């Protein structure tokens, strides 16, 4: 990485806290734009460079020549079960130990380019939710760059799921037929569902479970995203959930009824068209006036969960709703081997592939989000900015934090990733995380490792 070049100003000048990136390509609205970027370590925000320079007479403390590298918003992972040996779903007796584990993961995770995420809990007993959720809520109010990646709220993947599509969840923990919002409060804790400070941001349900549909509007009113997953729902049942306010699909194709020509199941939601009998009406941000709304959806592009053509097909069906997720487990970042898991099973790790010991059943992933971006970029034929948009702009829009996260617009948080673009063996295109800045402060530099 080229060294920063200092501006020539009087040594008595008061530092502005401004850093200027130049000779770079910015990811903006899924396009690469050759522009400078100004950020502030004082406010932690992206600046309007002309306004700062001409109106406020501010000048950068440092100008960094990036040599043509790509500057992206910080990555957002909306499904992360753990990593680097820490599992969000394991609740120790000592909650101090748990909090330290979360803090350690945050500092390691940011080195992969992920600056914000949804810590994800698999299906657990009610007492586990009550114990760990207070440690997993939104952390942005602290705005401390040294904390590393920040939580945007928790994703509870269960326990109101269909045993027929349990994946590696422990089906003995599944609950059925919630009797209104009070059942959810008893499961997760009423204080954990209250906006805006409640830690839960997203809950995955199987919509065919009796009682789920009636709970969706209340959850949406509480600012909680409802996602569909681990489900055997028909297209009709899935459509009813979207009409009720659900706006996301958890790891599309995995742990759900497959596409069938007479009943397309959940995948059919991506094919709705305006004016058709299957048009779904909802208020999600994925729709425009006069158009049928389609849900956002996550895809695990690790080369294991989905065939490359399947990923490309899903993107083609609904590009503006496509979100790459890692679905990474605690084994991400650990050496290959066999490890204990939360439900008494053991998981075998071979590279990025996780399987249950003695079986071939996929047991989550060990992939980083930037690897998912690289895979999707190569498989789909889209431009690099479109691939990056699936982990920045689109998840920010799904979570309702557009303009603050997932973009490089003035006023947004200065969460920035500097990427080196290269081509490897066989023409494989690859992005490498070179630098990560959080709230305008550099927290990782590959060259200084």
Protein backbone atom coordinates (compact mmCIF):
# COMPACT_ATOMS: atom_id res chain seq x y z
CA UNK A 1 0.00 0.00 0.00
CA UNK A 2 1.48 3.38 -0.95
CA UNK A 3 2.44 5.43 2.06
CA UNK A 4 0.32 8.39 3.07
CA UNK A 5 1.55 11.74 1.79
CA UNK A 6 1.31 14.57 4.28
CA UNK A 7 -0.23 17.89 3.28
CA UNK A 8 2.12 20.87 3.57
CA UNK A 9 0.54 23.16 6.12
CA UNK A 10 1.76 25.21 9.02
CA UNK A 11 2.80 23.04 11.98
CA UNK A 12 0.60 25.27 14.17
CA UNK A 13 -2.53 24.35 12.22
CA UNK A 14 -5.17 22.62 14.33
CA UNK A 15 -5.61 19.03 13.13
CA UNK A 16 -8.89 18.53 11.30
CA UNK A 17 -9.19 14.77 11.71
CA UNK A 18 -9.84 14.55 7.97
CA UNK A 19 -8.34 11.83 5.76
CA UNK A 20 -8.48 12.08 1.98
CA UNK A 21 -8.30 8.99 -0.23
CA UNK A 22 -7.20 9.78 -3.76
CA UNK A 23 -6.38 7.84 -6.94
CA UNK A 24 -9.07 5.29 -6.12
CA UNK A 25 -12.32 3.83 -7.43
CA UNK A 26 -15.36 4.12 -5.18
CA UNK A 27 -18.21 1.59 -5.07
CA UNK A 28 -21.32 3.73 -5.42
CA UNK A 29 -24.78 2.49 -6.43
CA UNK A 30 -23.23 -0.74 -7.74
CA UNK A 31 -20.88 1.17 -10.05
CA UNK A 32 -17.19 2.05 -9.82
CA UNK A 33 -16.63 5.80 -9.76
CA UNK A 34 -13.22 7.47 -9.95
CA UNK A 35 -13.44 10.06 -7.18
CA UNK A 36 -11.64 11.13 -4.05
CA UNK A 37 -13.17 10.22 -0.70
CA UNK A 38 -12.96 12.39 2.42
CA UNK A 39 -13.66 10.91 5.85
CA UNK A 40 -13.46 12.29 9.37
CA UNK A 41 -11.97 10.46 12.34
CA UNK A 42 -13.53 13.13 14.54
CA UNK A 43 -17.16 12.63 13.55
CA UNK A 44 -16.72 9.11 12.19
CA UNK A 45 -18.60 10.16 9.06
CA UNK A 46 -18.00 10.48 5.33
CA UNK A 47 -17.65 14.10 4.29
CA UNK A 48 -18.86 16.12 1.35
CA UNK A 49 -15.42 17.11 0.11
CA UNK A 50 -16.41 20.34 -1.66
CA UNK A 51 -18.46 21.52 1.30
CA UNK A 52 -15.64 20.73 3.72
CA UNK A 53 -12.98 22.45 1.62
CA UNK A 54 -14.80 25.49 0.21
CA UNK A 55 -17.41 26.28 2.87
CA UNK A 56 -15.65 25.21 6.06
CA UNK A 57 -12.07 25.83 4.85
CA UNK A 58 -11.09 22.41 6.13
CA UNK A 59 -8.17 20.51 4.67
CA UNK A 60 -7.03 16.92 5.20
CA UNK A 61 -4.49 15.96 7.80
CA UNK A 62 -3.47 13.13 5.49
CA UNK A 63 -3.86 12.37 1.82
CA UNK A 64 -3.54 8.68 0.96
CA UNK A 65 -2.78 7.66 -2.62
CA UNK A 66 -4.42 4.24 -3.12
CA UNK A 67 -2.83 3.51 -6.46
CA UNK A 68 -6.12 2.76 -8.23
CA UNK A 69 -7.47 0.41 -5.57
CA UNK A 70 -11.18 -0.08 -4.91
CA UNK A 71 -12.81 1.63 -1.94
CA UNK A 72 -15.96 -0.09 -0.72
CA UNK A 73 -18.37 0.55 2.12
CA UNK A 74 -17.82 -1.82 5.03
CA UNK A 75 -19.31 -5.26 4.47
CA UNK A 76 -22.52 -6.27 6.27
CA UNK A 77 -23.17 -9.94 7.11
CA UNK A 78 -26.80 -10.57 8.10
CA UNK A 79 -26.22 -14.21 9.09
CA UNK A 80 -23.16 -14.99 11.18
CA UNK A 81 -23.33 -17.78 13.76
CA UNK A 82 -19.85 -17.20 15.11
CA UNK A 83 -16.20 -17.41 14.15
CA UNK A 84 -12.63 -17.75 15.39
CA UNK A 85 -13.70 -20.31 17.97
CA UNK A 86 -16.66 -18.36 19.39
CA UNK A 87 -20.29 -19.48 19.01
CA UNK A 88 -23.06 -16.96 19.75
CA UNK A 89 -25.41 -19.80 20.73
CA UNK A 90 -23.24 -21.18 23.53
CA UNK A 91 -24.12 -19.57 26.85
CA UNK A 92 -21.53 -20.08 29.60
CA UNK A 93 -22.41 -19.78 33.26
CA UNK A 94 -20.28 -16.65 33.44
CA UNK A 95 -21.77 -13.97 31.19
CA UNK A 96 -18.58 -11.93 31.56
CA UNK A 97 -16.76 -14.67 29.67
CA UNK A 98 -19.44 -14.53 26.96
CA UNK A 99 -19.12 -10.75 26.60
CA UNK A 100 -15.34 -11.07 26.27
CA UNK A 101 -15.81 -13.70 23.57
CA UNK A 102 -18.10 -11.40 21.58
CA UNK A 103 -15.58 -8.55 21.91
CA UNK A 104 -12.73 -10.78 20.74
CA UNK A 105 -14.72 -11.96 17.71
CA UNK A 106 -15.58 -8.37 16.78
CA UNK A 107 -11.91 -7.40 16.68
CA UNK A 108 -11.01 -10.40 14.52
CA UNK A 109 -14.03 -10.22 12.23
CA UNK A 110 -13.34 -6.67 11.10
CA UNK A 111 -10.07 -7.83 9.55
CA UNK A 112 -12.15 -9.75 6.97
CA UNK A 113 -13.85 -6.54 5.80
CA UNK A 114 -17.05 -7.06 7.82
CA UNK A 115 -17.67 -3.84 9.75
CA UNK A 116 -21.29 -4.58 10.78
CA UNK A 117 -23.33 -7.76 11.12
CA UNK A 118 -26.24 -9.59 12.70
CA UNK A 119 -24.99 -12.09 15.31
CA UNK A 120 -27.13 -15.14 14.64
CA UNK A 121 -28.54 -17.57 17.21
CA UNK A 122 -29.64 -21.01 16.12
CA UNK A 123 -32.70 -22.61 17.78
CA UNK A 124 -32.16 -22.60 21.55
CA UNK A 125 -34.00 -22.98 24.83
CA UNK A 126 -35.74 -19.86 26.10
CA UNK A 127 -33.25 -19.40 28.95
CA UNK A 128 -30.39 -19.18 26.45
CA UNK A 129 -32.09 -16.32 24.58
CA UNK A 130 -32.75 -14.50 27.84
CA UNK A 131 -29.13 -14.91 28.87
CA UNK A 132 -27.21 -13.97 25.73
CA UNK A 133 -29.43 -11.52 23.82
CA UNK A 134 -28.56 -8.55 26.09
CA UNK A 135 -24.93 -8.96 24.93
CA UNK A 136 -25.78 -8.99 21.20
CA UNK A 137 -27.82 -5.85 20.65
CA UNK A 138 -26.89 -2.90 18.41
CA UNK A 139 -23.50 -1.55 19.46
CA UNK A 140 -23.16 1.47 17.16
CA UNK A 141 -24.06 3.98 19.86
CA UNK A 142 -20.61 3.44 21.41
CA UNK A 143 -18.93 4.35 18.10
CA UNK A 144 -15.56 3.09 19.25
CA UNK A 145 -13.43 2.00 16.29
CA UNK A 146 -11.21 -0.18 18.46
CA UNK A 147 -14.24 -2.38 19.28
CA UNK A 148 -14.07 -3.77 15.75
CA UNK A 149 -17.15 -4.95 13.87
CA UNK A 150 -20.44 -3.76 15.33
CA UNK A 151 -23.70 -5.57 15.86
CA UNK A 152 -26.75 -4.12 14.12
CA UNK A 153 -29.00 -6.37 16.19
CA UNK A 154 -29.47 -10.10 16.58
CA UNK A 155 -30.87 -12.59 14.07
CA UNK A 156 -32.81 -15.34 15.86
CA UNK A 157 -32.94 -18.29 13.46
CA UNK A 158 -35.65 -20.26 15.23
CA UNK A 159 -37.03 -21.94 17.22
CA UNK A 160 -40.40 -21.68 15.36
CA UNK A 161 -39.17 -23.85 12.48
CA UNK A 162 -40.36 -26.94 10.63
CA UNK A 163 -38.74 -30.22 11.83
CA UNK A 164 -38.91 -31.53 8.25
CA UNK A 165 -36.38 -28.86 7.27
CA UNK A 166 -34.32 -28.69 10.44
CA UNK A 167 -30.88 -28.70 8.80
CA UNK A 168 -28.46 -29.16 11.70
CA UNK A 169 -30.72 -27.42 14.21
CA UNK A 170 -31.77 -29.53 17.19
CA UNK A 171 -35.42 -30.22 16.39
CA UNK A 172 -36.15 -31.08 20.03
CA UNK A 173 -35.79 -27.34 20.73
CA UNK A 174 -38.36 -26.29 18.10
CA UNK A 175 -41.56 -24.61 19.28
CA UNK A 176 -44.85 -24.69 17.40
CA UNK A 177 -48.11 -22.76 17.24
CA UNK A 178 -47.22 -19.46 18.93
CA UNK A 179 -50.39 -18.07 20.50
CA UNK A 180 -49.86 -14.43 19.67
CA UNK A 181 -47.13 -11.98 20.59
CA UNK A 182 -47.14 -13.15 24.22
CA UNK A 183 -45.65 -16.49 23.14
CA UNK A 184 -42.79 -14.71 21.42
CA UNK A 185 -42.21 -12.56 24.49
CA UNK A 186 -42.06 -15.68 26.67
CA UNK A 187 -39.58 -17.31 24.29
CA UNK A 188 -37.19 -14.44 23.61
CA UNK A 189 -37.96 -12.09 26.52
CA UNK A 190 -40.30 -9.12 26.14
CA UNK A 191 -37.50 -6.62 26.74
CA UNK A 192 -35.54 -8.15 23.86
CA UNK A 193 -38.35 -7.40 21.40
CA UNK A 194 -38.88 -3.73 22.28
CA UNK A 195 -37.76 -1.05 19.80
CA UNK A 196 -35.52 0.77 19.34
CA UNK A 197 -33.03 -0.58 21.88
CA UNK A 198 -34.17 -4.20 21.91
CA UNK A 199 -31.41 -6.49 20.66
CA UNK A 200 -33.48 -8.53 18.18
CA UNK A 201 -33.43 -7.21 14.61
CA UNK A 202 -34.51 -10.28 12.62
CA UNK A 203 -36.35 -13.55 13.31
CA UNK A 204 -36.55 -16.52 10.95
CA UNK A 205 -39.85 -18.41 10.98
CA UNK A 206 -41.40 -21.29 9.06
CA UNK A 207 -44.59 -19.53 7.89
CA UNK A 208 -46.68 -22.70 7.68
CA UNK A 209 -46.55 -23.18 11.46
CA UNK A 210 -49.98 -22.29 12.91
CA UNK A 211 -49.99 -18.92 14.63
CA UNK A 212 -46.93 -17.49 12.88
CA UNK A 213 -48.83 -15.36 10.35
CA UNK A 214 -50.73 -13.49 13.05
CA UNK A 215 -47.46 -12.58 14.82
CA UNK A 216 -45.75 -11.07 11.76
CA UNK A 217 -47.50 -7.65 11.68
CA UNK A 218 -46.71 -6.99 15.34
CA UNK A 219 -43.06 -7.87 14.87
CA UNK A 220 -42.82 -5.57 11.86
CA UNK A 221 -44.44 -2.80 13.91
CA UNK A 222 -41.66 -3.34 16.46
CA UNK A 223 -39.04 -2.76 13.76
CA UNK A 224 -38.11 -6.44 13.53
CA UNK A 225 -37.47 -8.02 10.12
CA UNK A 226 -39.32 -11.29 9.58
CA UNK A 227 -37.52 -13.83 7.42
CA UNK A 228 -38.75 -17.16 6.05
CA UNK A 229 -36.56 -20.23 6.45
CA UNK A 230 -36.24 -23.86 7.58
CA UNK A 231 -39.63 -24.32 6.02
CA UNK A 232 -41.73 -26.66 3.91
CA UNK A 233 -44.04 -23.81 2.92
CA UNK A 234 -45.91 -23.92 -0.35
CA UNK A 235 -45.91 -20.89 -2.62
CA UNK A 236 -49.36 -19.96 -1.28
CA UNK A 237 -48.18 -20.15 2.36
CA UNK A 238 -45.05 -18.17 1.60
CA UNK A 239 -47.07 -15.53 -0.26
CA UNK A 240 -49.38 -15.14 2.74
CA UNK A 241 -46.35 -14.47 4.97
CA UNK A 242 -45.06 -11.76 2.62
CA UNK A 243 -48.51 -10.20 2.54
CA UNK A 244 -48.45 -10.15 6.35
CA UNK A 245 -45.15 -8.22 6.33
CA UNK A 246 -42.28 -10.73 6.05
CA UNK A 247 -39.56 -9.28 3.82
CA UNK A 248 -36.60 -11.68 3.81
CA UNK A 249 -35.73 -15.29 2.96
CA UNK A 250 -33.07 -17.05 5.03
CA UNK A 251 -30.39 -18.86 2.97
CA UNK A 252 -32.51 -19.38 -0.16
CA UNK A 253 -32.80 -23.02 -1.37
CA UNK A 254 -31.20 -24.46 1.78
CA UNK A 255 -33.52 -26.09 4.34
CA UNK A 256 -36.70 -25.39 2.38
CA UNK A 257 -39.08 -26.98 -0.10
CA UNK A 258 -37.36 -27.14 -3.49
CA UNK A 259 -38.65 -25.46 -6.63
CA UNK A 260 -41.34 -27.51 -8.38
CA UNK A 261 -43.01 -26.58 -11.65
CA UNK A 262 -46.51 -26.84 -10.15
CA UNK A 263 -45.62 -25.27 -6.81
CA UNK A 264 -42.51 -23.09 -6.91
CA UNK A 265 -42.45 -22.81 -3.12
CA UNK A 266 -40.54 -19.92 -1.57
CA UNK A 267 -38.37 -19.46 -4.65
CA UNK A 268 -41.55 -18.54 -6.52
CA UNK A 269 -41.71 -15.30 -4.51
CA UNK A 270 -38.86 -13.99 -6.67
CA UNK A 271 -40.92 -14.45 -9.82
CA UNK A 272 -44.02 -12.42 -8.99
CA UNK A 273 -44.93 -9.77 -11.57
CA UNK A 274 -47.17 -6.67 -11.45
CA UNK A 275 -50.80 -7.35 -12.26
CA UNK A 276 -50.51 -11.13 -12.02
CA UNK A 277 -52.82 -13.23 -9.79
CA UNK A 278 -49.81 -13.93 -7.56
CA UNK A 279 -48.93 -10.28 -7.01
CA UNK A 280 -48.00 -9.65 -3.37
CA UNK A 281 -48.74 -6.36 -1.71
CA UNK A 282 -46.44 -5.22 1.08
CA UNK A 283 -44.62 -2.12 2.26
CA UNK A 284 -41.06 -3.42 2.14
CA UNK A 285 -38.43 -1.18 0.62
CA UNK A 286 -37.75 -3.71 -2.10
CA UNK A 287 -40.79 -2.54 -4.04
CA UNK A 288 -41.64 0.56 -6.00
CA UNK A 289 -45.11 2.09 -6.50
CA UNK A 290 -47.15 0.01 -8.92
CA UNK A 291 -44.86 -3.00 -8.70
CA UNK A 292 -45.24 -6.32 -6.95
CA UNK A 293 -42.96 -6.51 -3.94
CA UNK A 294 -40.38 -9.25 -3.82
CA UNK A 295 -38.54 -10.20 -0.65
CA UNK A 296 -34.86 -9.83 -0.02
CA UNK A 297 -33.04 -13.15 0.18
CA UNK A 298 -29.74 -14.50 1.43
CA UNK A 299 -27.48 -16.83 -0.54
CA UNK A 300 -24.49 -18.77 0.80
CA UNK A 301 -22.00 -18.59 -2.09
CA UNK A 302 -19.37 -20.88 -0.57
CA UNK A 303 -19.40 -23.43 -3.37
CA UNK A 304 -20.84 -26.05 -1.01
CA UNK A 305 -24.38 -24.99 -0.08
CA UNK A 306 -25.33 -23.97 -3.63
CA UNK A 307 -24.19 -24.78 -7.14
CA UNK A 308 -22.71 -21.73 -8.92
CA UNK A 309 -25.50 -21.82 -11.51
CA UNK A 310 -28.10 -21.83 -8.73
CA UNK A 311 -26.59 -18.67 -7.27
CA UNK A 312 -26.54 -16.98 -10.68
CA UNK A 313 -30.15 -18.06 -11.30
CA UNK A 314 -31.32 -16.56 -8.00
CA UNK A 315 -29.55 -13.28 -8.73
CA UNK A 316 -31.09 -13.09 -12.19
CA UNK A 317 -34.57 -13.61 -10.74
CA UNK A 318 -34.34 -10.62 -8.38
CA UNK A 319 -31.02 -8.70 -8.47
CA UNK A 320 -32.13 -5.89 -6.15
CA UNK A 321 -33.01 -8.34 -3.38
CA UNK A 322 -29.88 -10.50 -3.57
CA UNK A 323 -27.77 -10.57 -0.38
CA UNK A 324 -24.65 -12.64 0.14
CA UNK A 325 -24.36 -14.17 3.61
CA UNK A 326 -21.59 -16.29 5.09
CA UNK A 327 -23.70 -18.37 7.53
CA UNK A 328 -20.29 -18.89 9.12
CA UNK A 329 -19.94 -21.05 12.21
CA UNK A 330 -17.51 -20.77 15.11
CA UNK A 331 -15.06 -22.85 13.08
CA UNK A 332 -14.40 -20.04 10.62
CA UNK A 333 -10.75 -19.08 11.04
CA UNK A 334 -9.80 -22.29 12.89
CA UNK A 335 -7.53 -25.11 11.66
CA UNK A 336 -9.05 -28.17 10.01
CA UNK A 337 -10.21 -30.86 12.43
CA UNK A 338 -13.24 -32.20 14.28
CA UNK A 339 -14.98 -30.02 16.86
CA UNK A 340 -17.87 -30.28 19.33
CA UNK A 341 -21.07 -28.41 18.50
CA UNK A 342 -23.90 -27.03 20.63
CA UNK A 343 -26.39 -29.90 20.28
CA UNK A 344 -23.96 -32.68 21.24
CA UNK A 345 -22.95 -33.39 17.64
CA UNK A 346 -19.43 -33.06 16.29
CA UNK A 347 -18.54 -31.16 13.15
CA UNK A 348 -15.69 -31.97 10.77
CA UNK A 349 -13.91 -29.01 9.14
CA UNK A 350 -12.00 -29.45 5.88
CA UNK A 351 -11.14 -26.05 4.45
CA UNK A 352 -14.40 -24.13 4.12
CA UNK A 353 -16.49 -27.33 4.18
CA UNK A 354 -18.26 -28.29 7.42
CA UNK A 355 -20.11 -31.61 7.77
CA UNK A 356 -21.55 -33.58 10.69
CA UNK A 357 -19.11 -36.24 11.84
CA UNK A 358 -19.94 -39.58 10.25
CA UNK A 359 -22.37 -37.98 7.78
CA UNK A 360 -22.27 -35.87 4.64
CA UNK A 361 -24.87 -33.40 5.92
CA UNK A 362 -23.69 -29.81 5.52
CA UNK A 363 -23.17 -28.16 8.91
CA UNK A 364 -23.02 -24.46 8.13
CA UNK A 365 -20.01 -22.78 6.58
CA UNK A 366 -16.52 -21.64 7.49
CA UNK A 367 -16.23 -19.12 4.67
CA UNK A 368 -15.55 -15.40 5.00
CA UNK A 369 -17.87 -12.90 3.37
CA UNK A 370 -15.20 -11.59 0.98
CA UNK A 371 -14.75 -15.16 -0.30
CA UNK A 372 -18.48 -15.27 -1.03
CA UNK A 373 -18.14 -12.00 -2.95
CA UNK A 374 -15.27 -13.44 -5.00
CA UNK A 375 -17.22 -16.61 -5.79
CA UNK A 376 -20.34 -14.72 -6.84
CA UNK A 377 -18.28 -12.29 -8.93
CA UNK A 378 -16.73 -15.16 -10.88
CA UNK A 379 -19.85 -17.30 -11.18
CA UNK A 380 -22.35 -14.65 -12.24
CA UNK A 381 -20.48 -12.46 -14.71
CA UNK A 382 -21.60 -9.28 -12.92
CA UNK A 383 -19.24 -6.36 -12.40
CA UNK A 384 -17.17 -6.08 -9.25
CA UNK A 385 -19.29 -3.20 -7.91
CA UNK A 386 -22.48 -5.26 -8.30
CA UNK A 387 -20.87 -8.16 -6.44
CA UNK A 388 -19.78 -5.85 -3.61
CA UNK A 389 -23.27 -4.32 -3.54
CA UNK A 390 -24.63 -7.67 -2.35
CA UNK A 391 -22.77 -7.24 0.95
CA UNK A 392 -23.13 -3.46 1.32
CA UNK A 393 -25.96 -1.51 -0.30
CA UNK A 394 -28.55 -4.31 -0.46
CA UNK A 395 -28.28 -5.60 3.14
CA UNK A 396 -28.30 -1.99 4.39
CA UNK A 397 -31.55 -1.41 2.50
CA UNK A 398 -33.03 -4.63 3.86
CA UNK A 399 -32.20 -3.57 7.43
CA UNK A 400 -33.44 -0.01 6.93
CA UNK A 401 -30.03 1.56 7.57
CA UNK A 402 -29.38 2.82 4.04
CA UNK A 403 -27.72 6.22 4.11
CA UNK A 404 -25.89 5.27 7.31
CA UNK A 405 -24.36 1.91 6.42
CA UNK A 406 -23.54 0.20 3.13
CA UNK A 407 -22.73 3.35 1.15
CA UNK A 408 -20.07 6.02 0.65
CA UNK A 409 -22.41 8.99 0.60
CA UNK A 410 -21.74 12.14 2.66
CA UNK A 411 -23.16 11.75 6.16
CA UNK A 412 -22.84 7.95 6.22
CA UNK A 413 -20.67 6.23 8.78
CA UNK A 414 -17.04 6.16 7.64
CA UNK A 415 -16.84 2.35 7.56
CA UNK A 416 -14.54 1.75 4.62
CA UNK A 417 -12.76 -1.24 3.07
CA UNK A 418 -9.83 -0.84 0.68
CA UNK A 419 -9.70 -3.74 -1.79
CA UNK A 420 -6.92 -4.94 -4.06
CA UNK A 421 -8.23 -6.39 -7.32
CA UNK A 422 -6.33 -9.24 -8.93
CA UNK A 423 -6.57 -12.22 -11.26
CA UNK A 424 -5.22 -15.61 -10.25
CA UNK A 425 -4.74 -19.01 -11.81
CA UNK A 426 -7.23 -19.86 -14.53
CA UNK A 427 -8.40 -16.25 -14.75
CA UNK A 428 -10.07 -16.40 -11.30
CA UNK A 429 -10.86 -12.84 -10.23
CA UNK A 430 -10.15 -11.99 -6.63
CA UNK A 431 -10.58 -9.14 -4.17
CA UNK A 432 -8.23 -8.95 -1.19
CA UNK A 433 -8.97 -6.86 1.90
CA UNK A 434 -6.01 -4.47 2.19
CA UNK A 435 -7.28 -1.96 4.74
CA UNK A 436 -10.33 -1.51 6.96
CA UNK A 437 -11.43 1.80 8.49
CA UNK A 438 -14.11 2.00 11.16
CA UNK A 439 -15.72 5.35 12.02
CA UNK A 440 -12.90 7.06 10.12
CA UNK A 441 -10.11 5.27 12.00
CA UNK A 442 -7.84 2.66 10.40
CA UNK A 443 -8.23 -0.61 12.30
CA UNK A 444 -6.54 -3.05 9.89
CA UNK A 445 -3.71 -2.79 7.39
CA UNK A 446 -2.58 -5.97 5.62
CA UNK A 447 0.86 -4.52 4.93
CA UNK A 448 1.47 -3.93 8.60
CA UNK A 449 0.68 -7.49 9.64
